[in-house]
């Protein structure tokens, strides 16, 4: 019985890290896009929905922007879940959260810009081209994104010593 209580407690922390990290990072990412691209949030959110709807997303108004926000938060939670669940097996991700968060942010940048967006309805299979200034701004935004996810993982899903001890092949960092 105590093990079940412990697992449910851990599960709640993991869920909190995923939901809070994903929503906060996703929201900050929208604000970063508004700042970087000098457009309003409606346009940014329509662009996100454009990954599903294509160019017609820009004619959809507020309902499509709300879809974009939901998609952004869903992607944020998926991205956060990957980090949080990996951190359950690799405690160094929590212990050195800023380094690994920044590294994860760079990985997110590569995956989103060179895989997800080109394969979406908005990307048409084309790879992005960045000016040096835009590349730096986007990389910095994704480093912040990754650090937010990692911070929430550290804050809400701390590694439990019992979990580390129960791993068949614990990783020491």
N, C-alpha and C. Protein backbone atom coordinates (compact mmCIF):
# COMPACT_ATOMS: atom_id res chain seq x y z
N UNK A 1 0.80 -1.21 0.00
CA UNK A 1 0.00 0.00 0.00
C UNK A 1 0.84 1.27 0.00
N UNK A 2 1.90 1.39 0.82
CA UNK A 2 2.71 2.61 0.78
C UNK A 2 3.33 2.86 -0.59
N UNK A 3 3.70 1.78 -1.31
CA UNK A 3 4.31 1.97 -2.64
C UNK A 3 3.32 2.64 -3.58
N UNK A 4 2.05 2.24 -3.51
CA UNK A 4 1.03 2.85 -4.37
C UNK A 4 0.87 4.32 -4.04
N UNK A 5 0.84 4.65 -2.76
CA UNK A 5 0.74 6.04 -2.36
C UNK A 5 1.93 6.83 -2.90
N UNK A 6 3.13 6.26 -2.78
CA UNK A 6 4.34 6.91 -3.27
C UNK A 6 4.28 7.12 -4.78
N UNK A 7 3.83 6.10 -5.51
CA UNK A 7 3.74 6.23 -6.97
C UNK A 7 2.69 7.26 -7.37
N UNK A 8 1.57 7.30 -6.67
CA UNK A 8 0.56 8.30 -7.02
C UNK A 8 1.08 9.71 -6.72
N UNK A 9 1.85 9.87 -5.65
CA UNK A 9 2.44 11.16 -5.33
C UNK A 9 3.42 11.57 -6.43
N UNK A 10 4.26 10.63 -6.84
CA UNK A 10 5.22 10.92 -7.91
C UNK A 10 4.48 11.23 -9.19
N UNK A 11 3.43 10.46 -9.49
CA UNK A 11 2.65 10.71 -10.71
C UNK A 11 2.07 12.11 -10.75
N UNK A 12 1.57 12.59 -9.59
CA UNK A 12 1.02 13.94 -9.53
C UNK A 12 2.08 14.99 -9.79
N UNK A 13 3.28 14.77 -9.25
CA UNK A 13 4.37 15.70 -9.49
C UNK A 13 4.78 15.70 -10.96
N UNK A 14 4.82 14.52 -11.53
CA UNK A 14 5.18 14.41 -12.95
C UNK A 14 4.15 15.12 -13.80
N UNK A 15 2.88 14.89 -13.52
CA UNK A 15 1.82 15.58 -14.28
C UNK A 15 1.93 17.09 -14.13
N UNK A 16 2.19 17.56 -12.91
CA UNK A 16 2.33 19.00 -12.69
C UNK A 16 3.48 19.56 -13.50
N UNK A 17 4.61 18.86 -13.52
CA UNK A 17 5.78 19.32 -14.29
C UNK A 17 5.45 19.39 -15.77
N UNK A 18 4.76 18.40 -16.26
CA UNK A 18 4.42 18.35 -17.69
C UNK A 18 3.43 19.45 -18.06
N UNK A 19 2.35 19.55 -17.32
CA UNK A 19 1.31 20.52 -17.66
C UNK A 19 1.81 21.95 -17.46
N UNK A 20 2.37 22.22 -16.28
CA UNK A 20 2.82 23.59 -16.02
C UNK A 20 4.00 23.98 -16.91
N UNK A 21 4.96 23.08 -17.04
CA UNK A 21 6.11 23.37 -17.91
C UNK A 21 5.70 23.58 -19.34
N UNK A 22 4.82 22.72 -19.85
CA UNK A 22 4.38 22.83 -21.24
C UNK A 22 3.59 24.09 -21.52
N UNK A 23 2.68 24.44 -20.61
CA UNK A 23 1.86 25.63 -20.82
C UNK A 23 2.69 26.91 -20.66
N UNK A 24 3.52 26.97 -19.64
CA UNK A 24 4.33 28.19 -19.46
C UNK A 24 5.32 28.34 -20.60
N UNK A 25 6.04 27.27 -20.94
CA UNK A 25 7.01 27.36 -22.04
C UNK A 25 6.31 27.70 -23.35
N UNK A 26 5.16 27.09 -23.60
CA UNK A 26 4.42 27.38 -24.82
C UNK A 26 3.95 28.82 -24.90
N UNK A 27 3.49 29.35 -23.77
CA UNK A 27 3.03 30.73 -23.72
C UNK A 27 4.20 31.71 -23.91
N UNK A 28 5.31 31.44 -23.25
CA UNK A 28 6.50 32.29 -23.41
C UNK A 28 6.99 32.22 -24.86
N UNK A 29 6.88 31.05 -25.47
CA UNK A 29 7.30 30.90 -26.87
C UNK A 29 6.45 31.79 -27.80
N UNK A 30 5.16 31.86 -27.53
CA UNK A 30 4.30 32.74 -28.34
C UNK A 30 4.74 34.20 -28.15
N UNK A 31 5.00 34.60 -26.91
CA UNK A 31 5.46 35.97 -26.66
C UNK A 31 6.80 36.24 -27.35
N UNK A 32 7.69 35.24 -27.34
CA UNK A 32 8.98 35.40 -28.02
C UNK A 32 8.77 35.57 -29.52
N UNK A 33 7.85 34.79 -30.11
CA UNK A 33 7.58 34.92 -31.55
C UNK A 33 7.01 36.29 -31.89
N UNK A 34 6.13 36.81 -31.03
CA UNK A 34 5.59 38.15 -31.24
C UNK A 34 6.73 39.17 -31.27
N UNK A 35 7.66 39.03 -30.34
CA UNK A 35 8.80 39.95 -30.24
C UNK A 35 9.76 39.79 -31.41
N UNK A 36 10.11 38.56 -31.73
CA UNK A 36 11.09 38.29 -32.79
C UNK A 36 10.57 38.70 -34.16
N UNK A 37 9.33 38.37 -34.46
CA UNK A 37 8.79 38.58 -35.81
C UNK A 37 8.00 39.89 -35.95
N UNK A 38 7.86 40.64 -34.84
CA UNK A 38 7.17 41.94 -34.88
C UNK A 38 5.77 41.82 -35.46
N UNK A 39 5.03 40.82 -34.98
CA UNK A 39 3.63 40.64 -35.39
C UNK A 39 2.80 40.46 -34.12
N UNK A 40 1.50 40.54 -34.26
CA UNK A 40 0.63 40.38 -33.12
C UNK A 40 0.44 38.91 -32.75
N UNK A 41 -0.05 38.67 -31.53
CA UNK A 41 -0.26 37.29 -31.09
C UNK A 41 -1.27 36.53 -31.95
N UNK A 42 -2.26 37.23 -32.49
CA UNK A 42 -3.25 36.57 -33.35
C UNK A 42 -2.55 35.93 -34.55
N UNK A 43 -1.65 36.67 -35.16
CA UNK A 43 -0.91 36.17 -36.34
C UNK A 43 -0.02 34.98 -35.96
N UNK A 44 0.65 35.07 -34.80
CA UNK A 44 1.51 33.97 -34.35
C UNK A 44 0.66 32.71 -34.13
N UNK A 45 -0.46 32.87 -33.45
CA UNK A 45 -1.31 31.71 -33.16
C UNK A 45 -1.95 31.15 -34.43
N UNK A 46 -2.30 32.01 -35.37
CA UNK A 46 -2.80 31.52 -36.66
C UNK A 46 -1.70 30.75 -37.40
N UNK A 47 -0.46 31.21 -37.29
CA UNK A 47 0.66 30.51 -37.92
C UNK A 47 0.82 29.11 -37.34
N UNK A 48 0.64 28.99 -36.03
CA UNK A 48 0.72 27.68 -35.39
C UNK A 48 -0.40 26.78 -35.91
N UNK A 49 -1.61 27.30 -35.98
CA UNK A 49 -2.73 26.54 -36.52
C UNK A 49 -2.49 26.21 -37.99
N UNK A 50 -1.72 27.06 -38.68
CA UNK A 50 -1.39 26.81 -40.08
C UNK A 50 -0.63 25.51 -40.28
N UNK A 51 0.03 25.03 -39.26
CA UNK A 51 0.69 23.73 -39.35
C UNK A 51 -0.30 22.61 -39.60
N UNK A 52 -1.52 22.80 -39.16
CA UNK A 52 -2.58 21.82 -39.36
C UNK A 52 -3.48 22.20 -40.53
N UNK A 53 -3.78 23.49 -40.64
CA UNK A 53 -4.77 23.97 -41.62
C UNK A 53 -4.18 24.54 -42.91
N UNK A 54 -2.89 24.81 -42.93
CA UNK A 54 -2.28 25.44 -44.09
C UNK A 54 -2.57 26.93 -44.13
N UNK A 55 -2.46 27.51 -45.31
CA UNK A 55 -2.60 28.97 -45.47
C UNK A 55 -3.98 29.49 -45.10
N UNK A 56 -4.98 28.64 -45.14
CA UNK A 56 -6.34 29.09 -44.80
C UNK A 56 -6.44 29.52 -43.34
N UNK A 57 -5.48 29.16 -42.52
CA UNK A 57 -5.51 29.55 -41.10
C UNK A 57 -5.52 31.06 -40.93
N UNK A 58 -4.93 31.79 -41.86
CA UNK A 58 -4.86 33.25 -41.73
C UNK A 58 -6.20 33.94 -41.99
N UNK A 59 -7.17 33.22 -42.52
CA UNK A 59 -8.50 33.78 -42.72
C UNK A 59 -9.46 33.38 -41.60
N UNK A 60 -8.98 32.63 -40.63
CA UNK A 60 -9.87 32.06 -39.61
C UNK A 60 -10.18 32.93 -38.43
N UNK A 61 -9.46 34.02 -38.22
CA UNK A 61 -9.74 34.90 -37.10
C UNK A 61 -9.45 34.28 -35.75
N UNK A 62 -10.22 34.73 -34.75
CA UNK A 62 -9.99 34.32 -33.36
C UNK A 62 -10.19 32.82 -33.15
N UNK A 63 -11.21 32.19 -33.73
CA UNK A 63 -11.35 30.74 -33.50
C UNK A 63 -10.12 29.93 -33.94
N UNK A 64 -9.53 30.31 -35.04
CA UNK A 64 -8.32 29.61 -35.50
C UNK A 64 -7.14 29.95 -34.58
N UNK A 65 -7.07 31.18 -34.11
CA UNK A 65 -6.02 31.54 -33.15
C UNK A 65 -6.15 30.73 -31.88
N UNK A 66 -7.37 30.51 -31.41
CA UNK A 66 -7.58 29.67 -30.22
C UNK A 66 -7.14 28.23 -30.48
N UNK A 67 -7.41 27.74 -31.69
CA UNK A 67 -6.91 26.41 -32.07
C UNK A 67 -5.39 26.41 -32.01
N UNK A 68 -4.78 27.46 -32.53
CA UNK A 68 -3.32 27.57 -32.49
C UNK A 68 -2.79 27.55 -31.06
N UNK A 69 -3.47 28.24 -30.16
CA UNK A 69 -3.06 28.24 -28.76
C UNK A 69 -3.17 26.84 -28.15
N UNK A 70 -4.26 26.16 -28.43
CA UNK A 70 -4.42 24.79 -27.93
C UNK A 70 -3.36 23.86 -28.50
N UNK A 71 -3.05 24.02 -29.78
CA UNK A 71 -2.00 23.21 -30.40
C UNK A 71 -0.64 23.53 -29.78
N UNK A 72 -0.38 24.82 -29.53
CA UNK A 72 0.88 25.24 -28.91
C UNK A 72 1.03 24.61 -27.53
N UNK A 73 -0.03 24.67 -26.74
CA UNK A 73 0.03 24.10 -25.40
C UNK A 73 0.15 22.58 -25.46
N UNK A 74 -0.53 21.94 -26.40
CA UNK A 74 -0.42 20.48 -26.54
C UNK A 74 1.01 20.09 -26.91
N UNK A 75 1.60 20.81 -27.87
CA UNK A 75 2.99 20.53 -28.23
C UNK A 75 3.92 20.80 -27.05
N UNK A 76 3.64 21.88 -26.32
CA UNK A 76 4.45 22.19 -25.15
C UNK A 76 4.41 21.08 -24.12
N UNK A 77 3.23 20.52 -23.90
CA UNK A 77 3.11 19.43 -22.93
C UNK A 77 3.78 18.14 -23.43
N UNK A 78 3.73 17.90 -24.71
CA UNK A 78 4.43 16.73 -25.27
C UNK A 78 5.94 16.91 -25.11
N UNK A 79 6.42 18.11 -25.44
CA UNK A 79 7.85 18.40 -25.31
C UNK A 79 8.28 18.30 -23.85
N UNK A 80 7.46 18.84 -22.94
CA UNK A 80 7.77 18.75 -21.51
C UNK A 80 7.74 17.30 -21.04
N UNK A 81 6.78 16.53 -21.52
CA UNK A 81 6.67 15.12 -21.11
C UNK A 81 7.93 14.34 -21.49
N UNK A 82 8.46 14.60 -22.66
CA UNK A 82 9.68 13.90 -23.08
C UNK A 82 10.81 14.19 -22.11
N UNK A 83 11.00 15.46 -21.76
CA UNK A 83 12.08 15.82 -20.84
C UNK A 83 11.83 15.26 -19.45
N UNK A 84 10.64 15.45 -18.93
CA UNK A 84 10.32 15.01 -17.56
C UNK A 84 10.46 13.50 -17.45
N UNK A 85 9.96 12.76 -18.40
CA UNK A 85 10.06 11.30 -18.33
C UNK A 85 11.50 10.84 -18.52
N UNK A 86 12.25 11.51 -19.36
CA UNK A 86 13.67 11.18 -19.51
C UNK A 86 14.41 11.45 -18.20
N UNK A 87 14.04 12.54 -17.53
CA UNK A 87 14.70 12.89 -16.27
C UNK A 87 14.42 11.86 -15.18
N UNK A 88 13.34 11.15 -15.29
CA UNK A 88 13.05 10.09 -14.31
C UNK A 88 14.11 8.99 -14.41
N UNK A 89 14.64 8.77 -15.60
CA UNK A 89 15.66 7.74 -15.83
C UNK A 89 17.08 8.29 -15.80
N UNK A 90 17.22 9.57 -16.08
CA UNK A 90 18.54 10.21 -16.13
C UNK A 90 18.55 11.38 -15.15
N UNK A 91 18.78 11.11 -13.89
CA UNK A 91 18.71 12.16 -12.86
C UNK A 91 19.63 13.36 -13.11
N UNK A 92 20.67 13.18 -13.90
CA UNK A 92 21.55 14.32 -14.20
C UNK A 92 20.78 15.43 -14.90
N UNK A 93 19.71 15.11 -15.61
CA UNK A 93 18.91 16.14 -16.28
C UNK A 93 18.30 17.09 -15.26
N UNK A 94 17.99 16.59 -14.07
CA UNK A 94 17.45 17.42 -13.00
C UNK A 94 18.57 18.11 -12.22
N UNK A 95 19.60 17.36 -11.92
CA UNK A 95 20.70 17.93 -11.15
C UNK A 95 21.37 19.10 -11.88
N UNK A 96 21.48 19.00 -13.19
CA UNK A 96 22.11 20.04 -14.02
C UNK A 96 21.06 20.60 -14.99
N UNK A 97 19.96 20.99 -14.42
CA UNK A 97 18.78 21.35 -15.21
C UNK A 97 19.04 22.51 -16.18
N UNK A 98 19.81 23.51 -15.80
CA UNK A 98 20.03 24.66 -16.70
C UNK A 98 20.81 24.23 -17.94
N UNK A 99 21.86 23.46 -17.74
CA UNK A 99 22.65 22.99 -18.89
C UNK A 99 21.80 22.10 -19.80
N UNK A 100 21.13 21.11 -19.19
CA UNK A 100 20.35 20.18 -20.00
C UNK A 100 19.10 20.83 -20.58
N UNK A 101 18.54 21.82 -19.87
CA UNK A 101 17.41 22.55 -20.42
C UNK A 101 17.82 23.34 -21.66
N UNK A 102 18.97 24.02 -21.58
CA UNK A 102 19.47 24.76 -22.74
C UNK A 102 19.77 23.82 -23.90
N UNK A 103 20.38 22.69 -23.59
CA UNK A 103 20.68 21.69 -24.62
C UNK A 103 19.39 21.16 -25.25
N UNK A 104 18.41 20.89 -24.40
CA UNK A 104 17.12 20.41 -24.89
C UNK A 104 16.47 21.47 -25.78
N UNK A 105 16.58 22.74 -25.39
CA UNK A 105 16.03 23.82 -26.20
C UNK A 105 16.64 23.85 -27.60
N UNK A 106 17.95 23.63 -27.68
CA UNK A 106 18.60 23.57 -29.00
C UNK A 106 18.09 22.38 -29.81
N UNK A 107 17.87 21.26 -29.13
CA UNK A 107 17.32 20.08 -29.81
C UNK A 107 15.90 20.36 -30.31
N UNK A 108 15.11 21.06 -29.50
CA UNK A 108 13.75 21.42 -29.90
C UNK A 108 13.80 22.28 -31.15
N UNK A 109 14.72 23.25 -31.18
CA UNK A 109 14.86 24.12 -32.34
C UNK A 109 15.10 23.30 -33.61
N UNK A 110 16.03 22.37 -33.54
CA UNK A 110 16.37 21.56 -34.72
C UNK A 110 15.18 20.71 -35.15
N UNK A 111 14.57 20.02 -34.21
CA UNK A 111 13.45 19.13 -34.55
C UNK A 111 12.27 19.92 -35.11
N UNK A 112 11.92 21.02 -34.46
CA UNK A 112 10.76 21.79 -34.92
C UNK A 112 11.02 22.44 -36.29
N UNK A 113 12.19 23.03 -36.49
CA UNK A 113 12.45 23.78 -37.72
C UNK A 113 12.85 22.92 -38.90
N UNK A 114 13.45 21.76 -38.64
CA UNK A 114 13.96 20.96 -39.74
C UNK A 114 13.22 19.63 -39.92
N UNK A 115 12.22 19.38 -39.08
CA UNK A 115 11.43 18.16 -39.23
C UNK A 115 9.93 18.47 -39.17
N UNK A 116 9.47 19.01 -38.04
CA UNK A 116 8.03 19.20 -37.82
C UNK A 116 7.45 20.24 -38.78
N UNK A 117 8.00 21.44 -38.80
CA UNK A 117 7.43 22.50 -39.65
C UNK A 117 7.50 22.14 -41.14
N UNK A 118 8.64 21.65 -41.65
CA UNK A 118 8.66 21.29 -43.07
C UNK A 118 7.64 20.21 -43.46
N UNK A 119 7.33 19.32 -42.51
CA UNK A 119 6.37 18.25 -42.81
C UNK A 119 4.92 18.67 -42.54
N UNK A 120 4.71 19.85 -41.97
CA UNK A 120 3.36 20.32 -41.65
C UNK A 120 2.71 20.94 -42.89
N UNK A 121 1.44 21.27 -42.75
CA UNK A 121 0.71 21.92 -43.84
C UNK A 121 1.27 23.31 -44.12
N UNK A 122 1.93 23.92 -43.16
CA UNK A 122 2.51 25.26 -43.35
C UNK A 122 3.87 25.20 -44.03
N UNK A 123 4.58 24.09 -43.87
CA UNK A 123 5.95 24.02 -44.33
C UNK A 123 6.15 23.64 -45.78
N UNK A 124 5.22 22.94 -46.36
CA UNK A 124 5.32 22.52 -47.76
C UNK A 124 6.63 21.79 -48.07
N UNK A 125 7.21 21.14 -47.09
CA UNK A 125 8.45 20.39 -47.29
C UNK A 125 9.71 21.24 -47.40
N UNK A 126 9.58 22.55 -47.21
CA UNK A 126 10.72 23.44 -47.36
C UNK A 126 11.45 23.62 -46.04
N UNK A 127 12.78 23.66 -46.10
CA UNK A 127 13.58 23.92 -44.91
C UNK A 127 13.69 25.43 -44.71
N UNK A 128 13.77 25.87 -43.45
CA UNK A 128 13.82 27.31 -43.18
C UNK A 128 15.18 27.92 -43.53
N UNK A 129 15.15 29.20 -43.80
CA UNK A 129 16.37 29.98 -44.02
C UNK A 129 16.31 31.14 -43.05
N UNK A 130 17.37 31.30 -42.25
CA UNK A 130 17.42 32.34 -41.23
C UNK A 130 18.56 33.30 -41.53
N UNK A 131 18.31 34.59 -41.30
CA UNK A 131 19.43 35.53 -41.26
C UNK A 131 20.17 35.24 -39.96
N UNK A 132 21.38 35.74 -39.83
CA UNK A 132 22.16 35.50 -38.60
C UNK A 132 21.40 36.04 -37.38
N UNK A 133 20.82 37.22 -37.50
CA UNK A 133 20.08 37.82 -36.39
C UNK A 133 18.87 36.97 -36.00
N UNK A 134 18.12 36.51 -36.99
CA UNK A 134 16.94 35.70 -36.71
C UNK A 134 17.32 34.33 -36.15
N UNK A 135 18.40 33.78 -36.63
CA UNK A 135 18.87 32.50 -36.11
C UNK A 135 19.21 32.63 -34.62
N UNK A 136 19.96 33.66 -34.27
CA UNK A 136 20.34 33.87 -32.87
C UNK A 136 19.10 34.09 -32.00
N UNK A 137 18.18 34.92 -32.47
CA UNK A 137 16.97 35.20 -31.69
C UNK A 137 16.15 33.93 -31.48
N UNK A 138 16.01 33.13 -32.53
CA UNK A 138 15.23 31.90 -32.40
C UNK A 138 15.93 30.87 -31.53
N UNK A 139 17.25 30.77 -31.66
CA UNK A 139 18.00 29.84 -30.79
C UNK A 139 17.88 30.25 -29.33
N UNK A 140 18.01 31.54 -29.06
CA UNK A 140 17.87 32.01 -27.67
C UNK A 140 16.47 31.73 -27.13
N UNK A 141 15.46 31.94 -27.96
CA UNK A 141 14.08 31.66 -27.52
C UNK A 141 13.91 30.18 -27.18
N UNK A 142 14.53 29.30 -27.97
CA UNK A 142 14.39 27.88 -27.70
C UNK A 142 15.23 27.44 -26.51
N UNK A 143 16.35 28.10 -26.26
CA UNK A 143 17.13 27.82 -25.06
C UNK A 143 16.30 28.18 -23.82
N UNK A 144 15.63 29.32 -23.87
CA UNK A 144 14.75 29.71 -22.76
C UNK A 144 13.63 28.69 -22.61
N UNK A 145 13.04 28.28 -23.72
CA UNK A 145 11.96 27.27 -23.71
C UNK A 145 12.44 26.01 -22.98
N UNK A 146 13.58 25.49 -23.40
CA UNK A 146 14.11 24.27 -22.79
C UNK A 146 14.41 24.45 -21.32
N UNK A 147 14.92 25.62 -20.94
CA UNK A 147 15.22 25.88 -19.52
C UNK A 147 13.94 25.97 -18.70
N UNK A 148 12.87 26.52 -19.27
CA UNK A 148 11.59 26.55 -18.56
C UNK A 148 11.10 25.14 -18.30
N UNK A 149 11.13 24.31 -19.32
CA UNK A 149 10.70 22.91 -19.17
C UNK A 149 11.54 22.21 -18.11
N UNK A 150 12.85 22.40 -18.17
CA UNK A 150 13.76 21.74 -17.22
C UNK A 150 13.54 22.27 -15.80
N UNK A 151 13.29 23.56 -15.66
CA UNK A 151 13.04 24.13 -14.33
C UNK A 151 11.78 23.52 -13.71
N UNK A 152 10.72 23.42 -14.51
CA UNK A 152 9.49 22.81 -13.99
C UNK A 152 9.71 21.34 -13.66
N UNK A 153 10.52 20.66 -14.44
CA UNK A 153 10.84 19.26 -14.13
C UNK A 153 11.56 19.18 -12.79
N UNK A 154 12.50 20.07 -12.57
CA UNK A 154 13.25 20.09 -11.32
C UNK A 154 12.35 20.49 -10.15
N UNK A 155 11.48 21.45 -10.37
CA UNK A 155 10.63 21.98 -9.31
C UNK A 155 9.53 21.01 -8.91
N UNK A 156 8.90 20.38 -9.89
CA UNK A 156 7.70 19.57 -9.61
C UNK A 156 7.91 18.07 -9.67
N UNK A 157 8.97 17.63 -10.28
CA UNK A 157 9.17 16.18 -10.41
C UNK A 157 10.57 15.81 -9.94
N UNK A 158 10.90 16.16 -8.70
CA UNK A 158 12.24 15.83 -8.22
C UNK A 158 12.45 14.33 -8.23
N UNK A 159 13.68 13.95 -8.46
CA UNK A 159 14.01 12.54 -8.50
C UNK A 159 13.94 11.97 -7.08
N UNK A 160 13.16 10.92 -6.94
CA UNK A 160 12.99 10.24 -5.66
C UNK A 160 14.09 9.18 -5.51
N UNK A 161 14.80 9.18 -4.39
CA UNK A 161 15.90 8.23 -4.18
C UNK A 161 15.43 6.79 -4.31
N UNK A 162 14.20 6.51 -3.91
CA UNK A 162 13.67 5.15 -4.03
C UNK A 162 13.53 4.77 -5.51
N UNK A 163 13.14 5.73 -6.34
CA UNK A 163 13.01 5.46 -7.78
C UNK A 163 14.39 5.21 -8.37
N UNK A 164 15.36 6.04 -8.02
CA UNK A 164 16.72 5.86 -8.53
C UNK A 164 17.25 4.49 -8.12
N UNK A 165 17.05 4.12 -6.86
CA UNK A 165 17.53 2.83 -6.37
C UNK A 165 16.85 1.65 -7.04
N UNK A 166 15.63 1.83 -7.52
CA UNK A 166 14.90 0.71 -8.11
C UNK A 166 15.22 0.52 -9.59
N UNK A 167 15.95 1.44 -10.18
CA UNK A 167 16.30 1.29 -11.59
C UNK A 167 17.25 0.11 -11.76
N UNK A 168 16.99 -0.66 -12.76
CA UNK A 168 17.83 -1.84 -12.99
C UNK A 168 19.27 -1.44 -13.31
N UNK A 169 19.43 -0.33 -14.00
CA UNK A 169 20.75 0.10 -14.41
C UNK A 169 20.87 1.59 -14.17
N UNK A 170 21.00 2.02 -12.90
CA UNK A 170 21.02 3.47 -12.63
C UNK A 170 22.21 4.15 -13.28
N UNK A 171 21.98 5.36 -13.71
CA UNK A 171 23.03 6.16 -14.34
C UNK A 171 23.55 7.12 -13.29
N UNK A 172 24.82 7.12 -13.07
CA UNK A 172 25.44 8.02 -12.10
C UNK A 172 26.01 9.21 -12.84
N UNK A 173 25.73 10.37 -12.35
CA UNK A 173 26.25 11.58 -13.00
C UNK A 173 27.02 12.42 -12.01
